[in-house]
Amino acid sequence: MWIQHHPLCYLYMKIRIDNLASDATEDDLRMLFELFGAVAAVTIDQRRRWGQIDMPSKAAAREAIEGLNGQNLKGFDMAVE
């Protein structure tokens, strides 16, 4: 099976965030990750309590992962990878 990807999808580093509070919002995550650099997209699956951040800069994404992994957001320690 052939899967066609959008040409820009390879320009962003995708970061997964697990163990989110059920009331965490896309704005909450965007504000946190923008401390490290530009954020292209934010997605949250409230039911499964995880999210995804797309960042255009791989260096900024790596800094965000190191800086936010294990940090508390609304009573839950995020697992950022």
Protein backbone atom coordinates (compact mmCIF):
# COMPACT_ATOMS: atom_id res chain seq x y z
CA MET A 1 0.00 0.00 0.00
CA TRP A 2 1.33 3.43 -0.97
CA ILE A 3 0.86 6.27 1.49
CA GLN A 4 1.42 9.74 0.12
CA HIS A 5 2.66 12.30 2.63
CA HIS A 6 2.34 16.03 2.33
CA PRO A 7 5.77 17.45 1.37
CA LEU A 8 5.85 19.75 4.41
CA CYS A 9 5.24 16.96 6.95
CA TYR A 10 8.96 16.14 6.95
CA LEU A 11 9.89 19.69 7.94
CA TYR A 12 8.32 19.43 11.40
CA MET A 13 9.43 17.46 14.42
CA LYS A 14 6.50 15.71 16.05
CA ILE A 15 6.50 15.51 19.84
CA ARG A 16 4.18 13.20 21.76
CA ILE A 17 2.88 14.20 25.20
CA ASP A 18 1.37 11.48 27.38
CA ASN A 19 -0.33 11.66 30.79
CA LEU A 20 -2.20 14.90 30.13
CA ALA A 21 -4.85 16.19 32.51
CA SER A 22 -8.34 15.71 31.10
CA ASP A 23 -8.87 19.49 31.19
CA ALA A 24 -5.58 20.37 29.46
CA THR A 25 -6.22 22.43 26.33
CA GLU A 26 -4.40 23.01 23.06
CA ASP A 27 -3.73 26.57 24.25
CA ASP A 28 -2.10 25.24 27.46
CA LEU A 29 0.30 23.10 25.44
CA ARG A 30 0.95 25.77 22.83
CA MET A 31 1.91 28.32 25.52
CA LEU A 32 4.32 25.86 27.18
CA PHE A 33 6.02 24.74 23.98
CA GLU A 34 6.26 28.24 22.54
CA LEU A 35 8.66 29.03 25.40
CA PHE A 36 11.14 26.94 23.39
CA GLY A 37 10.26 28.02 19.85
CA ALA A 38 7.61 28.21 17.15
CA VAL A 39 4.74 25.70 17.24
CA ALA A 40 3.15 24.72 13.93
CA ALA A 41 0.30 22.56 15.25
CA VAL A 42 -1.20 21.18 18.47
CA THR A 43 -3.51 18.18 18.73
CA ILE A 44 -5.06 16.67 21.87
CA ASP A 45 -6.99 13.44 22.32
CA GLN A 46 -8.82 14.16 25.60
CA ARG A 47 -10.22 10.65 25.91
CA ARG A 48 -6.80 9.01 25.80
CA ARG A 49 -5.05 11.92 27.57
CA TRP A 50 -2.27 12.47 25.05
CA GLY A 51 -1.30 15.19 22.64
CA GLN A 52 1.02 15.97 19.79
CA ILE A 53 3.01 19.10 19.04
CA ASP A 54 4.59 19.88 15.66
CA MET A 55 7.58 22.19 15.82
CA PRO A 56 9.45 23.44 12.73
CA SER A 57 12.82 23.63 14.52
CA LYS A 58 14.32 20.30 15.53
CA ALA A 59 16.72 22.04 17.92
CA ALA A 60 13.84 23.85 19.65
CA ALA A 61 11.85 20.61 19.76
CA ARG A 62 14.72 18.79 21.47
CA GLU A 63 15.04 21.59 24.02
CA ALA A 64 11.29 21.43 24.67
CA ILE A 65 11.43 17.68 25.21
CA GLU A 66 14.30 18.02 27.67
CA GLY A 67 12.74 20.99 29.43
CA LEU A 68 9.16 19.72 29.71
CA ASN A 69 9.48 15.97 30.22
CA GLY A 70 8.27 15.18 33.74
CA GLN A 71 6.92 18.70 34.32
CA ASN A 72 3.54 19.12 35.99
CA LEU A 73 0.58 20.50 34.05
CA LYS A 74 -2.71 20.78 35.94
CA GLY A 75 -1.75 18.09 38.46
CA PHE A 76 -0.26 15.55 36.04
CA ASP A 77 3.41 14.94 35.25
CA MET A 78 3.71 14.98 31.46
CA ALA A 79 5.70 12.36 29.59
CA VAL A 80 7.20 14.23 26.63
CA GLU A 81 9.04 12.34 23.91
